[in-house]
Protein backbone atom coordinates (compact mmCIF):
# COMPACT_ATOMS: atom_id res chain seq x y z
CA MET A 1 -24.42 26.15 -3.75
CA VAL A 2 -27.82 24.87 -2.34
CA SER A 3 -30.09 28.75 -2.38
CA SER A 4 -32.24 27.09 0.67
CA SER A 5 -32.08 25.25 3.85
CA LEU A 6 -32.18 21.31 2.97
CA ARG A 7 -34.18 19.09 6.02
CA LEU A 8 -31.81 16.23 5.40
CA LEU A 9 -32.52 12.64 7.28
CA PHE A 10 -29.10 10.31 7.29
CA LEU A 11 -29.62 6.62 7.53
CA SER A 12 -26.86 4.99 9.42
CA THR A 13 -25.16 1.78 8.84
CA SER A 14 -27.10 -1.47 11.00
CA VAL A 15 -23.94 -3.15 11.90
CA GLY A 16 -23.10 -1.04 14.97
CA ALA A 17 -24.03 1.81 17.14
CA LEU A 18 -22.01 4.99 15.59
CA GLY A 19 -18.89 5.70 18.54
CA SER A 20 -18.20 1.54 18.50
CA GLY A 21 -16.15 1.53 15.83
CA LEU A 22 -17.72 -1.87 13.88
CA GLY A 23 -19.23 0.78 11.14
CA GLY A 24 -15.57 0.85 10.55
CA GLY A 25 -15.16 4.24 8.17
CA VAL A 26 -18.77 4.48 7.28
CA GLU A 27 -18.89 5.98 11.03
CA LEU A 28 -16.18 9.12 9.93
CA THR A 29 -17.86 9.74 6.72
CA LEU A 30 -21.07 10.13 8.33
CA LEU A 31 -19.81 12.17 10.78
CA ASN A 32 -18.16 14.66 8.41
CA ILE A 33 -20.66 14.97 5.72
CA ALA A 34 -23.31 15.86 8.74
CA GLN A 35 -20.70 18.14 10.02
CA ALA A 36 -20.52 19.77 6.48
CA MET A 37 -24.12 19.96 5.47
CA GLN A 38 -24.65 21.64 9.02
CA ARG A 39 -22.21 23.95 8.68
CA ARG A 40 -23.80 24.91 5.33
CA GLY A 41 -27.08 25.53 7.15
CA HIS A 42 -28.76 22.66 6.32
CA GLN A 43 -30.75 20.84 9.36
CA ILE A 44 -29.41 17.24 10.19
CA ASN A 45 -30.85 14.18 12.06
CA ILE A 46 -29.43 11.04 12.27
CA VAL A 47 -31.41 7.21 12.29
CA ALA A 48 -29.07 4.63 13.89
CA PRO A 49 -28.73 2.12 16.26
CA ALA A 50 -29.32 2.63 19.58
CA GLY A 51 -26.33 3.59 21.98
CA SER A 52 -24.92 5.77 19.04
CA VAL A 53 -22.98 8.76 19.78
CA LEU A 54 -21.77 10.95 17.77
CA ALA A 55 -19.57 14.63 18.04
CA GLY A 56 -23.24 16.24 19.58
CA LEU A 57 -25.08 15.62 16.47
CA PRO A 58 -28.86 14.81 16.96
CA ILE A 59 -29.54 11.04 16.75
CA THR A 60 -32.46 9.52 16.85
CA GLN A 61 -31.93 5.78 18.79
CA ILE A 62 -33.46 2.90 17.28
CA PRO A 63 -33.44 -0.87 19.29
CA GLY A 64 -32.94 -3.57 17.37
CA ARG A 65 -30.50 -6.55 16.57
CA LEU A 66 -27.68 -5.78 14.98
CA GLN A 67 -26.97 -7.08 11.14
CA GLU A 68 -24.35 -9.25 9.56
CA THR A 69 -21.68 -7.05 7.97
CA ALA A 70 -21.85 -7.77 3.88
CA GLN A 71 -17.85 -8.61 4.10
CA THR A 72 -17.84 -11.99 5.53
CA GLN A 73 -20.31 -13.58 3.38
CA GLY A 74 -19.48 -15.10 -0.52
CA ARG A 75 -21.27 -13.90 -3.39
CA ASP A 76 -24.39 -16.09 -3.55
CA ALA A 77 -24.97 -15.20 0.09
CA PRO A 78 -29.12 -14.60 0.37
CA ILE A 79 -30.83 -11.97 2.40
CA THR A 80 -30.80 -12.39 5.67
CA LEU A 81 -32.75 -10.36 8.28
CA PRO A 82 -32.86 -11.23 12.14
CA VAL A 83 -35.85 -11.25 14.29
CA ASP A 84 -36.00 -7.44 15.74
CA ALA A 85 -33.36 -6.22 13.52
CA VAL A 86 -32.35 -2.87 13.57
CA LEU A 87 -31.90 -2.49 9.83
CA ALA A 88 -35.96 -2.70 9.83
CA ASN A 89 -36.51 -0.82 12.24
CA MET A 90 -34.73 2.20 11.37
CA TRP A 91 -36.21 1.97 8.20
CA ASP A 92 -39.89 1.61 9.53
CA ALA A 93 -38.61 4.89 11.62
CA ALA A 94 -38.06 6.63 8.86
CA ARG A 95 -41.04 5.99 6.85
CA GLN A 96 -42.98 7.32 9.42
CA MET A 97 -40.43 10.33 9.94
CA GLN A 98 -40.07 11.30 6.13
CA GLY A 99 -42.53 14.20 5.77
CA LYS A 100 -40.77 16.39 8.31
CA TYR A 101 -37.67 15.60 5.04
CA ASP A 102 -36.87 16.85 2.13
CA LEU A 103 -34.46 14.06 1.37
CA LEU A 104 -32.90 10.82 2.89
CA LEU A 105 -29.44 9.48 2.90
CA ASN A 106 -28.79 5.87 3.05
CA PHE A 107 -25.18 5.10 4.71
CA ALA A 108 -26.25 1.25 4.84
CA TYR A 109 -24.77 -1.28 2.80
CA ASP A 110 -27.68 -3.40 2.88
CA TRP A 111 -30.36 -5.23 0.38
CA LEU A 112 -33.56 -3.64 2.03
CA PRO A 113 -32.82 0.21 1.68
CA PHE A 114 -32.54 -0.17 -2.06
CA TYR A 115 -35.62 -2.44 -2.20
CA LEU A 116 -37.49 -0.02 -0.06
CA THR A 117 -36.65 3.13 -1.91
CA PRO A 118 -39.29 2.88 -4.49
CA PHE A 119 -42.15 2.99 -1.42
CA PHE A 120 -41.06 6.08 0.18
CA ASP A 121 -42.40 9.56 -0.88
CA ARG A 122 -38.86 11.28 -0.41
CA PRO A 123 -36.21 11.01 -2.25
CA ILE A 124 -33.27 8.58 -1.62
CA ALA A 125 -29.50 9.43 -1.78
CA HIS A 126 -27.48 5.89 -1.17
CA LEU A 127 -23.74 6.97 -0.53
CA VAL A 128 -22.17 2.89 -1.19
CA SER A 129 -19.45 2.01 0.78
CA MET A 130 -17.98 -0.96 -0.26
CA GLY A 131 -17.78 -2.32 -3.88
CA SER A 132 -19.46 -5.49 -5.44
CA LEU A 133 -19.38 -8.29 -2.99
CA THR A 134 -23.08 -10.03 -3.87
CA ASP A 135 -25.21 -10.53 -6.58
CA ALA A 136 -28.35 -9.78 -4.61
CA MET A 137 -26.65 -6.71 -3.57
CA ASP A 138 -25.87 -5.93 -6.91
CA ALA A 139 -28.97 -6.46 -8.37
CA ALA A 140 -30.87 -4.41 -5.69
CA ILE A 141 -28.23 -1.25 -6.40
CA ALA A 142 -28.49 -1.80 -10.30
CA GLN A 143 -32.90 -1.46 -9.66
CA VAL A 144 -32.18 1.75 -8.14
CA ILE A 145 -30.00 3.26 -10.25
CA ASP A 146 -32.12 2.21 -13.46
CA SER A 147 -35.35 3.85 -11.62
CA TYR A 148 -33.37 6.88 -9.76
CA PRO A 149 -30.19 7.94 -12.36
CA ALA A 150 -27.60 9.63 -9.78
CA THR A 151 -29.08 8.43 -6.36
CA ILE A 152 -26.10 6.00 -6.47
CA GLY A 153 -22.38 7.83 -4.48
CA VAL A 154 -19.70 5.86 -4.19
CA HIS A 155 -15.77 6.88 -3.28
CA SER A 156 -13.39 6.13 -6.02
CA ARG A 157 -13.40 4.79 -9.16
CA ALA A 158 -12.08 1.98 -8.14
CA GLN A 159 -14.65 1.16 -5.96
CA ALA A 160 -17.13 1.87 -9.06
CA ASP A 161 -15.43 -0.59 -11.13
CA THR A 162 -16.51 -3.40 -9.36
CA PHE A 163 -20.40 -3.00 -10.45
CA ALA A 164 -21.78 -3.23 -14.23
CA PHE A 165 -23.27 0.04 -13.47
CA GLY A 166 -20.14 1.67 -12.39
CA ASP A 167 -20.23 3.99 -14.78
CA ARG A 168 -23.53 5.86 -14.12
CA CYS A 169 -22.39 6.28 -10.05
CA VAL A 170 -21.36 9.84 -8.62
CA ILE A 171 -18.01 9.05 -7.22
CA LEU A 172 -17.82 12.02 -4.57
CA GLY A 173 -14.37 10.76 -2.68
CA ASN A 174 -14.33 11.75 1.15
CA GLY A 175 -12.60 14.56 3.16
CA LEU A 176 -11.83 15.23 6.74
CA ASP A 177 -12.42 18.11 9.43
CA LEU A 178 -8.63 19.15 8.96
CA SER A 179 -8.35 21.51 11.78
CA LEU A 180 -8.73 17.69 14.18
CA TYR A 181 -5.28 16.97 12.61
CA GLN A 182 -2.06 18.12 13.42
CA PHE A 183 0.84 18.51 11.59
CA GLN A 184 3.79 16.08 12.97
CA PRO A 185 7.11 16.44 11.32
CA GLN A 186 9.16 14.61 13.49
CA PRO A 187 7.86 11.19 14.07
CA GLU A 188 9.14 8.74 16.86
CA ASP A 189 10.19 4.72 16.34
CA TYR A 190 6.98 3.48 15.08
CA TRP A 191 4.78 1.79 12.42
CA ALA A 192 1.20 2.19 12.13
CA TRP A 193 -1.46 -0.26 11.06
CA VAL A 194 -5.66 1.42 11.44
CA GLY A 195 -8.54 -0.67 10.26
CA ARG A 196 -11.25 -3.12 11.87
CA ILE A 197 -9.29 -6.22 12.83
CA ALA A 198 -10.51 -8.68 9.90
CA PRO A 199 -9.51 -10.66 7.00
CA GLU A 200 -10.37 -8.43 4.27
CA LYS A 201 -7.99 -5.83 5.76
CA GLY A 202 -5.13 -8.04 5.89
CA ILE A 203 -3.26 -7.20 8.75
CA GLU A 204 -1.23 -10.34 8.64
CA ASP A 205 0.97 -8.87 5.99
CA ALA A 206 1.53 -5.48 7.79
CA ILE A 207 2.89 -8.09 10.71
CA ALA A 208 4.65 -10.18 8.78
CA ALA A 209 6.39 -7.27 7.07
CA ALA A 210 7.27 -5.73 10.33
CA GLN A 211 8.55 -8.89 11.50
CA THR A 212 10.73 -9.17 8.26
CA ALA A 213 12.34 -5.71 9.15
CA GLY A 214 12.32 -5.92 12.19
CA VAL A 215 10.51 -2.75 13.08
CA ALA A 216 7.93 -1.75 15.91
CA LEU A 217 4.16 -1.47 14.54
CA LYS A 218 1.28 -0.24 16.65
CA ILE A 219 -1.98 -1.09 15.52
CA TRP A 220 -5.29 0.29 16.61
CA GLY A 221 -9.28 -0.69 15.46
CA ALA A 222 -12.24 -2.55 16.59
CA MET A 223 -11.49 -6.02 17.45
CA PRO A 224 -15.04 -7.61 16.25
CA ASP A 225 -13.24 -11.26 16.33
CA GLU A 226 -10.70 -11.81 19.25
CA ALA A 227 -10.15 -15.50 17.85
CA TYR A 228 -8.62 -14.21 14.65
CA TRP A 229 -6.48 -11.92 16.20
CA GLN A 230 -4.83 -14.06 19.25
CA THR A 231 -3.93 -16.89 15.41
CA ILE A 232 -2.33 -13.77 13.98
CA ARG A 233 -0.62 -13.35 17.24
CA GLN A 234 0.49 -16.95 17.06
CA THR A 235 1.46 -16.91 13.54
CA TYR A 236 4.43 -14.17 14.14
CA PRO A 237 5.36 -14.86 17.43
CA GLU A 238 8.17 -12.14 16.95
CA ALA A 239 7.04 -9.54 15.47
CA ASN A 240 7.01 -6.44 17.53
CA ILE A 241 3.39 -5.35 17.87
CA SER A 242 1.31 -4.13 19.88
CA TYR A 243 -2.22 -3.93 19.84
CA GLU A 244 -3.13 -0.14 21.35
CA GLY A 245 -7.34 -0.42 21.31
CA PHE A 246 -10.05 1.61 19.23
CA LEU A 247 -9.57 5.09 19.92
CA SER A 248 -11.15 8.72 19.44
CA THR A 249 -10.56 10.82 16.40
CA THR A 250 -8.75 13.22 18.67
CA GLU A 251 -6.21 10.60 20.63
CA LEU A 252 -5.62 8.46 16.90
CA GLN A 253 -4.53 11.65 14.77
CA GLN A 254 -1.87 11.89 17.39
CA ALA A 255 -0.86 8.52 17.51
CA ILE A 256 -0.71 8.18 13.81
CA GLY A 257 0.76 11.25 13.33
CA ARG A 258 3.72 10.42 15.36
CA SER A 259 4.46 7.29 13.64
CA ARG A 260 6.90 6.63 10.49
CA GLY A 261 4.39 5.62 8.19
CA LEU A 262 1.13 4.01 7.91
CA LEU A 263 0.65 0.36 5.96
CA MET A 264 -2.55 -0.37 4.26
CA THR A 265 -2.86 -4.23 3.49
CA PRO A 266 -6.57 -4.41 2.35
CA LYS A 267 -7.23 -8.25 0.66
CA TRP A 268 -10.29 -6.67 -1.41
CA ILE A 269 -10.94 -3.45 -2.72
CA GLU A 270 -11.22 -1.15 -0.26
CA ALA A 271 -14.10 1.66 -1.29
CA PHE A 272 -11.55 4.26 0.13
CA GLY A 273 -9.47 4.56 2.92
CA ASN A 274 -10.18 7.15 5.84
CA VAL A 275 -7.42 6.35 7.60
CA ALA A 276 -4.89 7.22 4.43
CA ILE A 277 -5.72 10.57 4.06
CA GLU A 278 -6.27 10.97 7.80
CA ALA A 279 -2.84 9.71 8.11
CA LEU A 280 -1.61 11.97 5.06
CA ALA A 281 -3.45 15.16 6.99
CA CYS A 282 -0.67 14.85 9.84
CA GLY A 283 2.28 14.37 7.82
CA VAL A 284 2.58 10.60 7.69
CA PRO A 285 3.48 9.05 4.25
CA VAL A 286 1.35 6.10 3.30
CA ILE A 287 2.35 2.83 1.79
CA ALA A 288 -0.66 0.81 0.95
CA TYR A 289 -0.93 -2.08 -1.93
CA ARG A 290 -2.19 -0.42 -5.13
CA ARG A 291 -5.49 -1.84 -4.89
CA GLY A 292 -9.02 0.00 -4.65
CA GLY A 293 -9.26 3.36 -3.34
CA PRO A 294 -6.11 3.89 -1.64
CA ALA A 295 -4.47 3.41 -4.81
CA GLU A 296 -5.78 6.39 -6.32
CA ILE A 297 -5.48 8.66 -2.62
CA VAL A 298 -1.34 7.80 -2.51
CA GLU A 299 0.99 9.43 -4.81
CA ASP A 300 3.17 7.34 -5.78
CA GLY A 301 7.03 8.38 -4.59
CA LYS A 302 5.26 11.76 -3.49
CA THR A 303 3.21 10.91 -0.46
CA GLY A 304 4.02 7.14 -0.17
CA TRP A 305 4.39 3.52 -1.92
CA LEU A 306 2.32 2.12 -4.05
CA VAL A 307 3.16 -1.92 -3.78
CA GLU A 308 2.28 -4.75 -5.83
CA PRO A 309 -1.20 -6.44 -3.79
CA ASP A 310 -0.25 -8.80 -1.27
CA SER A 311 3.71 -8.55 -1.88
CA VAL A 312 5.11 -8.54 1.58
CA MET A 313 8.46 -8.26 0.52
CA GLY A 314 7.16 -5.16 -1.71
CA LEU A 315 6.23 -3.60 1.49
CA VAL A 316 9.69 -4.19 3.67
CA GLU A 317 11.32 -2.74 0.38
CA ALA A 318 9.33 0.25 0.32
CA MET A 319 9.39 1.02 4.01
CA LYS A 320 13.63 1.43 3.35
CA LYS A 321 12.65 3.90 1.11
CA LEU A 322 10.43 6.09 3.36
CA GLU A 323 12.82 9.23 4.16
CA GLN A 324 12.25 9.96 0.16
CA ILE A 325 9.18 11.02 1.09
CA ASP A 326 8.38 14.63 2.71
CA ARG A 327 5.98 15.07 5.53
CA TYR A 328 4.95 18.27 4.42
CA THR A 329 4.16 17.31 1.21
CA CYS A 330 1.90 14.77 2.61
CA ARG A 331 -0.49 17.58 4.48
CA GLN A 332 -0.50 19.59 1.54
CA HIS A 333 -1.95 17.29 -0.73
CA ALA A 334 -4.47 16.42 1.97
CA GLU A 335 -5.45 20.31 2.48
CA THR A 336 -5.97 20.34 -1.28
CA THR A 337 -7.77 17.37 -1.68
CA TYR A 338 -9.30 16.39 1.05
CA SER A 339 -10.85 18.99 3.10
CA MET A 340 -14.09 19.43 4.71
CA ALA A 341 -14.77 22.08 1.81
CA ALA A 342 -13.96 19.81 -0.70
CA LEU A 343 -16.12 17.07 0.32
CA GLY A 344 -19.34 19.76 1.39
CA ASP A 345 -19.18 20.79 -2.12
CA ARG A 346 -19.32 17.53 -4.05
CA VAL A 347 -22.09 16.25 -1.56
CA GLU A 348 -24.14 19.38 -1.69
CA ALA A 349 -24.05 19.27 -5.74
CA TRP A 350 -24.70 15.66 -5.46
CA LEU A 351 -28.12 16.22 -3.08
CA GLN A 352 -29.27 19.05 -5.05
CA ARG A 353 -28.90 17.17 -8.44
CA ILE A 354 -31.47 14.41 -6.81
CA LEU A 355 -33.77 16.81 -5.97
CA VAL A 356 -34.70 18.45 -9.66
CA LEU A 357 -34.26 15.40 -10.96
């Protein structure tokens, strides 16, 4: 435990306002870490794009144009920054505010925060939310970890292994406020899929599996590309699917909790997969591709099933075996490994390690 209260400045993702869902799992991660640190007596302030709202936490709102998501770029993508970029505005604000804080924690997966690290007077911890995507980002992160050891945190070993310097990253996992997730022992007759409606999330595989298995599938998440969604709907006209929108944590856990099981079908190396532990916290088994973070969360045959990546028929076969999974065991696994207390311990130890370097 850290012996004294720290003053911490969190720098949010710049791809969307907190609460919009555009930031994906980063939004929930930032919320849970902020609350975990507050419960330990640390002082928190968050710098985020204008319009951000996050469970009553203090937020310094910064105007500007949102940044493009890194998932849509190729390996050789150049560094881009729009006119009046909110990312640049956020970090300019952080530069002016840094004297009030002991440490800054960056949640943005973007080149600029890493490039600026040597120019700040206060130490900066970087929680990297995705695996290796572009050569420019890899180089920027590598320069920071070379000069400032232990300042790069990741969520899973699978994520770390996508980087050449992965063995030097600090693996933090993730955690939830389990009091917000109700165990639901008796499901209704539908399956769930949760995530940003985007190609890298592989929603079409979940829909194909649902159509093949003849089951109902409910879908939740932010939809940044309506045209992509409509194309998928037209591709699987016989699938019994319904888009249920983007929900708050309270609403989402109730909806997921009533499902028979959660499908996770990432087409890329998912850094972690918050929705997997959200489902387990409600007692919902998870069927996931054996790829990325979800493969480290799901205990095959115990809390769900792991399937060969990109195998729709593998999903269908696993769905047939769902009754072998005990829902109470799923909840117990979440309580043991993914509590807020466990997350807070890991993050606090990481920040303290950086401060004494």
